[in-house]
Amino acid sequence: MIDYIFYLCVDILAWIAKITGTSYEFINILIFIIGYPLFTLFLIIIIYWQNKKLKIYKKIKN
């Protein structure tokens, strides 16, 4: 099952590369070296912001 999911993802990346006229490696770099870290950073910022709002809300409530 794991092999099937892995090769399905590889096929999807190859398909995206073919449509965009780039290589599989370039698409892989865009997603996993640039996209994923930016997405993770964005989520950390949202968590920090929500935590800050929650502390303010708790302070107002008391």
Protein backbone atom coordinates (compact mmCIF):
# COMPACT_ATOMS: atom_id res chain seq x y z
CA MET A 1 0.00 0.00 0.00
CA ILE A 2 2.83 2.39 0.87
CA ASP A 3 4.53 1.64 -2.44
CA TYR A 4 1.30 2.36 -4.30
CA ILE A 5 0.86 5.75 -2.59
CA PHE A 6 4.52 6.66 -3.17
CA TYR A 7 4.43 5.82 -6.87
CA LEU A 8 1.10 7.57 -7.25
CA CYS A 9 2.67 10.74 -5.84
CA VAL A 10 5.68 10.32 -8.14
CA ASP A 11 3.33 9.98 -11.11
CA ILE A 12 1.45 13.12 -10.05
CA LEU A 13 4.71 15.06 -9.77
CA ALA A 14 5.82 13.79 -13.18
CA TRP A 15 2.43 14.77 -14.64
CA ILE A 16 2.71 18.30 -13.16
CA ALA A 17 6.26 18.56 -14.55
CA LYS A 18 5.06 17.51 -18.00
CA ILE A 19 2.20 20.04 -17.98
CA THR A 20 4.40 22.91 -16.81
CA GLY A 21 7.30 21.99 -19.07
CA THR A 22 9.76 21.58 -16.21
CA SER A 23 11.46 18.59 -14.65
CA TYR A 24 10.32 16.27 -11.90
CA GLU A 25 13.23 17.44 -9.75
CA PHE A 26 12.23 21.11 -10.10
CA ILE A 27 8.64 20.39 -9.05
CA ASN A 28 9.95 18.32 -6.14
CA ILE A 29 12.18 21.21 -5.03
CA LEU A 30 9.33 23.70 -5.31
CA ILE A 31 7.06 21.58 -3.15
CA PHE A 32 9.37 20.07 -0.54
CA ILE A 33 12.26 22.54 -0.27
CA ILE A 34 10.36 25.82 -0.73
CA GLY A 35 6.62 25.21 -0.37
CA TYR A 36 6.48 22.95 2.67
CA PRO A 37 8.81 25.07 4.87
CA LEU A 38 6.87 28.22 3.94
CA PHE A 39 3.59 26.48 4.76
CA THR A 40 5.00 25.27 8.10
CA LEU A 41 6.23 28.76 8.94
CA PHE A 42 2.82 30.18 8.04
CA LEU A 43 1.12 27.69 10.37
CA ILE A 44 3.52 28.53 13.22
CA ILE A 45 2.73 32.23 12.77
CA ILE A 46 -1.01 31.49 12.86
CA ILE A 47 -0.60 29.40 16.03
CA TYR A 48 1.40 32.19 17.69
CA TRP A 49 -1.19 34.79 16.67
CA GLN A 50 -4.11 32.68 17.90
CA ASN A 51 -2.33 31.95 21.18
CA LYS A 52 -1.73 35.67 21.68
CA LYS A 53 -5.43 36.42 21.00
CA LEU A 54 -6.45 33.68 23.42
CA LYS A 55 -4.28 35.12 26.20
CA ILE A 56 -5.83 38.56 25.64
CA TYR A 57 -9.31 37.03 25.70
CA LYS A 58 -8.58 35.18 28.94
CA LYS A 59 -7.20 38.38 30.48
CA ILE A 60 -10.37 40.32 29.53
CA LYS A 61 -12.59 37.52 30.83
CA ASN A 62 -10.97 37.58 34.29
